[in-house]
Amino acid sequence: MPIVSLSGLTGGGARKLGPTIAERLGSDYVDRLILTRAARKIGATVEALHDREERILTHGERFLRVVQNVLERSAVTSASGDPYFGSSAVSLLTEEFEELPQPRITQGHELDDSLYITALTDIIHTLAKTGNVVIVGRGSPYILKDVPTALRVGTIAEWDDRVERVMEIDQLTKKDAERTIKARDNARGDYYKRYFNIDDPDAPSLYHLVINTSTTSNQYAIELVVQASIALEAGRLN
């Protein structure tokens, strides 16, 4: 069952390629926005999911159950006081990198970091164990680096193409898109350094393949990932 982790520079194409790759592979698609919706729904959905155990769950319900089960057994839940999805965990999982709380030099904050990254790692590993999933971002290529069945894909692009994509996706002016990209790139670098001690989140060694979406069409990039995923699953990628 395919497991694909996509990551890359802001506007590099991961968010654009991910849904189509998931559709081609018949997989669930999980990114920051999906996690946001899960966070918003989880409290109201938990009881409903318990009542529906006698029938087959939809993809969305199955994903919510995964998140629910992980966080029910996570230290994050007891620390936050929220029985399902604490507000601090929500920020780590769902916000853009530059929106995450900045580090403070306190033992308490260091403890919080440990709890947050434990919950995040647990969720991503649990999703990977279920198979049939395409995960975008959140450091998932590093988190899944020791999972032999997980295909890790990085995306890069030229500056002008990145600006154009962010303008289109986020409905921003060119000036605001440029400012957003710089802020997110810096925050993404800080995120990888802070949580994984990685200086370069785009280092080729983190990935099975890195695709330059400025020189590769979306259609061909998608085909590359789909075929690489199939080859990895069949033991033919190496």
C-alpha atoms as a PDB file:
ATOM      1  CA  MET A   1       0.000   0.000   0.000  1.00  0.00           C
ATOM      2  CA  PRO A   2       1.681   3.254  -1.129  1.00  0.00           C
ATOM      3  CA  ILE A   3       3.092   5.760   1.339  1.00  0.00           C
ATOM      4  CA  VAL A   4       4.366   9.032  -0.131  1.00  0.00           C
ATOM      5  CA  SER A   5       5.837  11.959   1.770  1.00  0.00           C
ATOM      6  CA  LEU A   6       6.124  15.254  -0.120  1.00  0.00           C
ATOM      7  CA  SER A   7       7.993  18.312   1.054  1.00  0.00           C
ATOM      8  CA  GLY A   8       9.820  21.290  -0.364  1.00  0.00           C
ATOM      9  CA  LEU A   9      10.311  25.001  -0.661  1.00  0.00           C
ATOM     10  CA  THR A  10       7.301  27.280  -0.333  1.00  0.00           C
ATOM     11  CA  GLY A  11       5.769  27.414  -3.799  1.00  0.00           C
ATOM     12  CA  GLY A  12       7.910  24.476  -4.884  1.00  0.00           C
ATOM     13  CA  GLY A  13       4.876  22.512  -5.964  1.00  0.00           C
ATOM     14  CA  ALA A  14       4.279  19.930  -3.212  1.00  0.00           C
ATOM     15  CA  ARG A  15       0.860  21.328  -2.289  1.00  0.00           C
ATOM     16  CA  LYS A  16      -0.161  21.404  -5.935  1.00  0.00           C
ATOM     17  CA  LEU A  17       1.073  17.918  -6.842  1.00  0.00           C
ATOM     18  CA  GLY A  18      -0.062  16.110  -3.709  1.00  0.00           C
ATOM     19  CA  PRO A  19      -3.821  15.769  -4.295  1.00  0.00           C
ATOM     20  CA  THR A  20      -3.391  14.428  -7.842  1.00  0.00           C
ATOM     21  CA  ILE A  21      -0.700  11.962  -6.756  1.00  0.00           C
ATOM     22  CA  ALA A  22      -3.041  10.703  -4.035  1.00  0.00           C
ATOM     23  CA  GLU A  23      -5.863  10.361  -6.544  1.00  0.00           C
ATOM     24  CA  ARG A  24      -3.653   8.412  -8.964  1.00  0.00           C
ATOM     25  CA  LEU A  25      -2.529   6.044  -6.192  1.00  0.00           C
ATOM     26  CA  GLY A  26      -6.000   5.708  -4.675  1.00  0.00           C
ATOM     27  CA  SER A  27      -4.629   7.094  -1.412  1.00  0.00           C
ATOM     28  CA  ASP A  28      -5.744   9.472   1.313  1.00  0.00           C
ATOM     29  CA  TYR A  29      -4.249  12.956   1.103  1.00  0.00           C
ATOM     30  CA  VAL A  30      -3.067  14.690   4.292  1.00  0.00           C
ATOM     31  CA  ASP A  31      -1.660  18.213   4.503  1.00  0.00           C
ATOM     32  CA  ARG A  32      -1.854  21.162   6.877  1.00  0.00           C
ATOM     33  CA  LEU A  33      -5.354  22.111   5.753  1.00  0.00           C
ATOM     34  CA  ILE A  34      -6.641  18.557   6.221  1.00  0.00           C
ATOM     35  CA  LEU A  35      -5.177  18.578   9.731  1.00  0.00           C
ATOM     36  CA  THR A  36      -6.877  21.899  10.386  1.00  0.00           C
ATOM     37  CA  ARG A  37     -10.245  20.476   9.428  1.00  0.00           C
ATOM     38  CA  ALA A  38      -9.594  17.416  11.580  1.00  0.00           C
ATOM     39  CA  ALA A  39      -8.691  19.622  14.526  1.00  0.00           C
ATOM     40  CA  ARG A  40     -11.900  21.575  14.148  1.00  0.00           C
ATOM     41  CA  LYS A  41     -14.061  18.499  13.785  1.00  0.00           C
ATOM     42  CA  ILE A  42     -12.479  16.086  16.199  1.00  0.00           C
ATOM     43  CA  GLY A  43     -14.404  17.063  19.331  1.00  0.00           C
ATOM     44  CA  ALA A  44     -17.778  16.724  17.640  1.00  0.00           C
ATOM     45  CA  THR A  45     -16.756  13.674  15.655  1.00  0.00           C
ATOM     46  CA  VAL A  46     -15.346  11.476  18.413  1.00  0.00           C
ATOM     47  CA  GLU A  47     -18.705  10.398  19.836  1.00  0.00           C
ATOM     48  CA  ALA A  48     -20.132   9.933  16.366  1.00  0.00           C
ATOM     49  CA  LEU A  49     -17.240   7.691  15.390  1.00  0.00           C
ATOM     50  CA  HIS A  50     -17.706   5.556  18.475  1.00  0.00           C
ATOM     51  CA  ASP A  51     -21.352   5.105  17.498  1.00  0.00           C
ATOM     52  CA  ARG A  52     -20.423   4.054  13.959  1.00  0.00           C
ATOM     53  CA  GLU A  53     -18.084   1.185  14.743  1.00  0.00           C
ATOM     54  CA  GLU A  54     -20.439  -1.309  13.161  1.00  0.00           C
ATOM     55  CA  ARG A  55     -20.047   0.113   9.671  1.00  0.00           C
ATOM     56  CA  ILE A  56     -17.151   0.834   7.307  1.00  0.00           C
ATOM     57  CA  LEU A  57     -15.664   4.269   7.879  1.00  0.00           C
ATOM     58  CA  THR A  58     -15.153   6.782   5.091  1.00  0.00           C
ATOM     59  CA  HIS A  59     -11.608   7.981   4.382  1.00  0.00           C
ATOM     60  CA  GLY A  60     -12.273  11.189   6.311  1.00  0.00           C
ATOM     61  CA  GLU A  61     -13.675   9.354   9.321  1.00  0.00           C
ATOM     62  CA  ARG A  62     -10.783   6.879   9.286  1.00  0.00           C
ATOM     63  CA  PHE A  63      -8.295   9.736   9.345  1.00  0.00           C
ATOM     64  CA  LEU A  64     -10.112  11.460  12.211  1.00  0.00           C
ATOM     65  CA  ARG A  65     -10.051   8.209  14.169  1.00  0.00           C
ATOM     66  CA  VAL A  66      -6.296   7.895  13.654  1.00  0.00           C
ATOM     67  CA  VAL A  67      -5.757  11.428  14.980  1.00  0.00           C
ATOM     68  CA  GLN A  68      -8.173  10.806  17.835  1.00  0.00           C
ATOM     69  CA  ASN A  69      -6.515   7.558  18.906  1.00  0.00           C
ATOM     70  CA  VAL A  70      -3.007   9.006  18.768  1.00  0.00           C
ATOM     71  CA  LEU A  71      -3.864  12.077  20.789  1.00  0.00           C
ATOM     72  CA  GLU A  72      -5.928  10.146  23.325  1.00  0.00           C
ATOM     73  CA  ARG A  73      -2.779   8.245  24.286  1.00  0.00           C
ATOM     74  CA  SER A  74      -0.429  11.220  23.848  1.00  0.00           C
ATOM     75  CA  ALA A  75       1.034  13.241  26.676  1.00  0.00           C
ATOM     76  CA  VAL A  76      -0.011  16.350  24.770  1.00  0.00           C
ATOM     77  CA  THR A  77      -3.650  15.767  25.642  1.00  0.00           C
ATOM     78  CA  SER A  78      -3.066  15.492  29.365  1.00  0.00           C
ATOM     79  CA  ALA A  79      -0.775  18.509  29.311  1.00  0.00           C
ATOM     80  CA  SER A  80      -3.275  20.684  27.488  1.00  0.00           C
ATOM     81  CA  GLY A  81      -6.360  19.767  29.475  1.00  0.00           C
ATOM     82  CA  ASP A  82      -8.258  19.086  26.269  1.00  0.00           C
ATOM     83  CA  PRO A  83      -9.466  15.449  26.170  1.00  0.00           C
ATOM     84  CA  TYR A  84      -8.956  15.150  22.434  1.00  0.00           C
ATOM     85  CA  PHE A  85      -6.975  17.829  20.677  1.00  0.00           C
ATOM     86  CA  GLY A  86      -5.166  20.448  22.741  1.00  0.00           C
ATOM     87  CA  SER A  87      -4.722  23.930  21.336  1.00  0.00           C
ATOM     88  CA  SER A  88      -0.933  23.694  21.464  1.00  0.00           C
ATOM     89  CA  ALA A  89      -0.931  20.464  19.470  1.00  0.00           C
ATOM     90  CA  VAL A  90      -3.256  22.052  16.941  1.00  0.00           C
ATOM     91  CA  SER A  91      -0.786  24.873  16.316  1.00  0.00           C
ATOM     92  CA  LEU A  92       2.120  22.487  15.731  1.00  0.00           C
ATOM     93  CA  LEU A  93       0.124  20.349  13.344  1.00  0.00           C
ATOM     94  CA  THR A  94      -1.858  22.902  11.396  1.00  0.00           C
ATOM     95  CA  GLU A  95      -0.284  26.349  11.269  1.00  0.00           C
ATOM     96  CA  GLU A  96       2.184  27.654   8.721  1.00  0.00           C
ATOM     97  CA  PHE A  97       5.760  27.516   9.970  1.00  0.00           C
ATOM     98  CA  GLU A  98       6.030  31.245  10.623  1.00  0.00           C
ATOM     99  CA  GLU A  99       2.839  31.121  12.737  1.00  0.00           C
ATOM    100  CA  LEU A 100       4.212  28.545  15.183  1.00  0.00           C
ATOM    101  CA  PRO A 101       5.110  29.722  18.686  1.00  0.00           C
ATOM    102  CA  GLN A 102       8.708  30.917  18.827  1.00  0.00           C
ATOM    103  CA  PRO A 103      11.102  29.240  21.276  1.00  0.00           C
ATOM    104  CA  ARG A 104      11.581  30.630  24.752  1.00  0.00           C
ATOM    105  CA  ILE A 105      14.589  29.740  26.877  1.00  0.00           C
ATOM    106  CA  THR A 106      12.750  27.886  29.616  1.00  0.00           C
ATOM    107  CA  GLN A 107      12.724  24.285  30.713  1.00  0.00           C
ATOM    108  CA  GLY A 108       8.946  24.281  30.375  1.00  0.00           C
ATOM    109  CA  HIS A 109       9.131  25.234  26.727  1.00  0.00           C
ATOM    110  CA  GLU A 110      11.707  22.537  26.044  1.00  0.00           C
ATOM    111  CA  LEU A 111       9.373  20.016  27.630  1.00  0.00           C
ATOM    112  CA  ASP A 112       6.493  21.281  25.487  1.00  0.00           C
ATOM    113  CA  ASP A 113       8.617  20.885  22.356  1.00  0.00           C
ATOM    114  CA  SER A 114       9.293  17.290  23.289  1.00  0.00           C
ATOM    115  CA  LEU A 115       5.603  16.590  23.794  1.00  0.00           C
ATOM    116  CA  TYR A 116       4.607  18.270  20.548  1.00  0.00           C
ATOM    117  CA  ILE A 117       7.124  16.500  18.354  1.00  0.00           C
ATOM    118  CA  THR A 118       6.296  13.170  19.991  1.00  0.00           C
ATOM    119  CA  ALA A 119       2.632  13.631  19.103  1.00  0.00           C
ATOM    120  CA  LEU A 120       3.436  14.759  15.568  1.00  0.00           C
ATOM    121  CA  THR A 121       5.811  11.836  14.997  1.00  0.00           C
ATOM    122  CA  ASP A 122       3.259   9.403  16.399  1.00  0.00           C
ATOM    123  CA  ILE A 123       0.521  10.702  14.104  1.00  0.00           C
ATOM    124  CA  ILE A 124       2.682  10.549  10.971  1.00  0.00           C
ATOM    125  CA  HIS A 125       3.982   7.055  11.796  1.00  0.00           C
ATOM    126  CA  THR A 126       0.460   5.852  12.536  1.00  0.00           C
ATOM    127  CA  LEU A 127      -0.812   7.240   9.248  1.00  0.00           C
ATOM    128  CA  ALA A 128       2.089   5.552   7.458  1.00  0.00           C
ATOM    129  CA  LYS A 129       1.300   2.219   9.109  1.00  0.00           C
ATOM    130  CA  THR A 130      -2.250   2.386   7.762  1.00  0.00           C
ATOM    131  CA  GLY A 131      -0.761   2.725   4.256  1.00  0.00           C
ATOM    132  CA  ASN A 132      -2.427   4.307   1.240  1.00  0.00           C
ATOM    133  CA  VAL A 133      -1.544   7.852   2.244  1.00  0.00           C
ATOM    134  CA  VAL A 134       0.154  10.905   0.729  1.00  0.00           C
ATOM    135  CA  ILE A 135       1.489  13.248   3.423  1.00  0.00           C
ATOM    136  CA  VAL A 136       2.665  16.779   2.650  1.00  0.00           C
ATOM    137  CA  GLY A 137       5.056  18.669   4.904  1.00  0.00           C
ATOM    138  CA  ARG A 138       5.447  18.804   8.694  1.00  0.00           C
ATOM    139  CA  GLY A 139       8.905  17.230   8.437  1.00  0.00           C
ATOM    140  CA  SER A 140       7.380  13.946   7.301  1.00  0.00           C
ATOM    141  CA  PRO A 141      10.313  12.975   5.011  1.00  0.00           C
ATOM    142  CA  TYR A 142      12.654  13.056   8.007  1.00  0.00           C
ATOM    143  CA  ILE A 143      10.142  11.420  10.348  1.00  0.00           C
ATOM    144  CA  LEU A 144       9.654   8.568   7.857  1.00  0.00           C
ATOM    145  CA  LYS A 145      13.322   8.236   6.860  1.00  0.00           C
ATOM    146  CA  ASP A 146      13.598   4.816   8.481  1.00  0.00           C
ATOM    147  CA  VAL A 147      10.334   3.485   7.038  1.00  0.00           C
ATOM    148  CA  PRO A 148      11.459   1.457   4.006  1.00  0.00           C
ATOM    149  CA  THR A 149       8.038   1.534   2.337  1.00  0.00           C
ATOM    150  CA  ALA A 150       7.718   5.347   2.449  1.00  0.00           C
ATOM    151  CA  LEU A 151       8.725   7.241  -0.682  1.00  0.00           C
ATOM    152  CA  ARG A 152      10.272  10.600   0.234  1.00  0.00           C
ATOM    153  CA  VAL A 153       9.998  13.314  -2.419  1.00  0.00           C
ATOM    154  CA  GLY A 154      11.380  16.852  -2.332  1.00  0.00           C
ATOM    155  CA  THR A 155      10.214  19.670  -4.601  1.00  0.00           C
ATOM    156  CA  ILE A 156      12.135  22.786  -5.606  1.00  0.00           C
ATOM    157  CA  ALA A 157      11.487  25.581  -8.110  1.00  0.00           C
ATOM    158  CA  GLU A 158      12.905  28.840  -9.418  1.00  0.00           C
ATOM    159  CA  TRP A 159      12.060  31.995  -7.479  1.00  0.00           C
ATOM    160  CA  ASP A 160       9.724  33.508 -10.093  1.00  0.00           C
ATOM    161  CA  ASP A 161       7.732  30.286 -10.365  1.00  0.00           C
ATOM    162  CA  ARG A 162       7.434  30.041  -6.605  1.00  0.00           C
ATOM    163  CA  VAL A 163       6.136  33.602  -6.402  1.00  0.00           C
ATOM    164  CA  GLU A 164       3.585  32.941  -9.131  1.00  0.00           C
ATOM    165  CA  ARG A 165       2.310  29.795  -7.412  1.00  0.00           C
ATOM    166  CA  VAL A 166       1.951  31.474  -4.025  1.00  0.00           C
ATOM    167  CA  MET A 167       0.134  34.389  -5.668  1.00  0.00           C
ATOM    168  CA  GLU A 168      -2.285  31.889  -7.221  1.00  0.00           C
ATOM    169  CA  ILE A 169      -2.760  29.583  -4.220  1.00  0.00           C
ATOM    170  CA  ASP A 170      -2.979  32.234  -1.498  1.00  0.00           C
ATOM    171  CA  GLN A 171      -4.500  34.997  -3.641  1.00  0.00           C
ATOM    172  CA  LEU A 172      -1.718  37.477  -2.854  1.00  0.00           C
ATOM    173  CA  THR A 173      -0.121  40.369  -4.663  1.00  0.00           C
ATOM    174  CA  LYS A 174       3.409  39.807  -5.956  1.00  0.00           C
ATOM    175  CA  LYS A 175       4.917  41.880  -3.157  1.00  0.00           C
ATOM    176  CA  ASP A 176       2.967  40.005  -0.479  1.00  0.00           C
ATOM    177  CA  ALA A 177       3.791  36.648  -2.076  1.00  0.00           C
ATOM    178  CA  GLU A 178       7.517  37.449  -2.023  1.00  0.00           C
ATOM    179  CA  ARG A 179       7.310  38.518   1.603  1.00  0.00           C
ATOM    180  CA  THR A 180       5.346  35.350   2.471  1.00  0.00           C
ATOM    181  CA  ILE A 181       7.848  33.048   0.763  1.00  0.00           C
ATOM    182  CA  LYS A 182      10.815  34.615   2.554  1.00  0.00           C
ATOM    183  CA  ALA A 183       9.072  34.387   5.925  1.00  0.00           C
ATOM    184  CA  ARG A 184       7.976  30.771   5.392  1.00  0.00           C
ATOM    185  CA  ASP A 185      11.377  29.680   4.102  1.00  0.00           C
ATOM    186  CA  ASN A 186      13.090  31.162   7.147  1.00  0.00           C
ATOM    187  CA  ALA A 187      10.520  29.684   9.525  1.00  0.00           C
ATOM    188  CA  ARG A 188      10.696  26.291   7.809  1.00  0.00           C
ATOM    189  CA  GLY A 189      14.466  26.283   8.245  1.00  0.00           C
ATOM    190  CA  ASP A 190      14.063  27.162  11.924  1.00  0.00           C
ATOM    191  CA  TYR A 191      11.442  24.403  12.308  1.00  0.00           C
ATOM    192  CA  TYR A 192      13.726  21.691  10.903  1.00  0.00           C
ATOM    193  CA  LYS A 193      16.648  22.927  12.982  1.00  0.00           C
ATOM    194  CA  ARG A 194      14.598  23.215  16.156  1.00  0.00           C
ATOM    195  CA  TYR A 195      12.790  19.891  16.009  1.00  0.00           C
ATOM    196  CA  PHE A 196      15.105  17.665  13.937  1.00  0.00           C
ATOM    197  CA  ASN A 197      18.530  19.374  14.188  1.00  0.00           C
ATOM    198  CA  ILE A 198      18.665  19.611  10.377  1.00  0.00           C
ATOM    199  CA  ASP A 199      20.441  22.607   8.850  1.00  0.00           C
ATOM    200  CA  ASP A 200      19.175  22.115   5.286  1.00  0.00           C
ATOM    201  CA  PRO A 201      15.617  20.745   4.912  1.00  0.00           C
ATOM    202  CA  ASP A 202      16.154  20.487   1.147  1.00  0.00           C
ATOM    203  CA  ALA A 203      19.313  18.353   1.300  1.00  0.00           C
ATOM    204  CA  PRO A 204      18.997  15.625  -1.374  1.00  0.00           C
ATOM    205  CA  SER A 205      20.073  12.987   1.166  1.00  0.00           C
ATOM    206  CA  LEU A 206      16.676  13.346   2.892  1.00  0.00           C
ATOM    207  CA  TYR A 207      14.799  12.187  -0.196  1.00  0.00           C
ATOM    208  CA  HIS A 208      14.551   9.368  -2.706  1.00  0.00           C
ATOM    209  CA  LEU A 209      14.177  11.980  -5.424  1.00  0.00           C
ATOM    210  CA  VAL A 210      14.049  15.759  -5.729  1.00  0.00           C
ATOM    211  CA  ILE A 211      11.977  17.283  -8.546  1.00  0.00           C
ATOM    212  CA  ASN A 212      12.548  20.748  -9.997  1.00  0.00           C
ATOM    213  CA  THR A 213       9.002  21.765 -10.876  1.00  0.00           C
ATOM    214  CA  SER A 214      10.266  24.723 -12.901  1.00  0.00           C
ATOM    215  CA  THR A 215      11.853  22.383 -15.428  1.00  0.00           C
ATOM    216  CA  THR A 216       9.423  19.473 -15.092  1.00  0.00           C
ATOM    217  CA  SER A 217       5.749  19.655 -16.019  1.00  0.00           C
ATOM    218  CA  ASN A 218       3.172  18.897 -13.342  1.00  0.00           C
ATOM    219  CA  GLN A 219       1.969  15.922 -15.377  1.00  0.00           C
ATOM    220  CA  TYR A 220       5.434  14.399 -15.653  1.00  0.00           C
ATOM    221  CA  ALA A 221       6.292  15.168 -12.012  1.00  0.00           C
ATOM    222  CA  ILE A 222       3.143  13.358 -10.913  1.00  0.00           C
ATOM    223  CA  GLU A 223       3.999  10.407 -13.162  1.00  0.00           C
ATOM    224  CA  LEU A 224       7.527  10.271 -11.716  1.00  0.00           C
ATOM    225  CA  VAL A 225       6.219  10.081  -8.164  1.00  0.00           C
ATOM    226  CA  VAL A 226       3.517   7.533  -8.977  1.00  0.00           C
ATOM    227  CA  GLN A 227       5.946   5.245 -10.806  1.00  0.00           C
ATOM    228  CA  ALA A 228       8.604   5.638  -8.098  1.00  0.00           C
ATOM    229  CA  SER A 229       6.028   4.752  -5.445  1.00  0.00           C
ATOM    230  CA  ILE A 230       5.001   1.642  -7.365  1.00  0.00           C
ATOM    231  CA  ALA A 231       8.655   0.671  -7.866  1.00  0.00           C
ATOM    232  CA  LEU A 232       9.479   1.152  -4.167  1.00  0.00           C
ATOM    233  CA  GLU A 233       6.507  -0.973  -3.138  1.00  0.00           C
ATOM    234  CA  ALA A 234       7.653  -3.717  -5.505  1.00  0.00           C
ATOM    235  CA  GLY A 235      11.263  -3.516  -4.312  1.00  0.00           C
ATOM    236  CA  ARG A 236      12.514  -2.225  -7.661  1.00  0.00           C
ATOM    237  CA  LEU A 237      13.521   1.346  -6.805  1.00  0.00           C
ATOM    238  CA  ASN A 238      17.125   0.539  -5.846  1.00  0.00           C
END
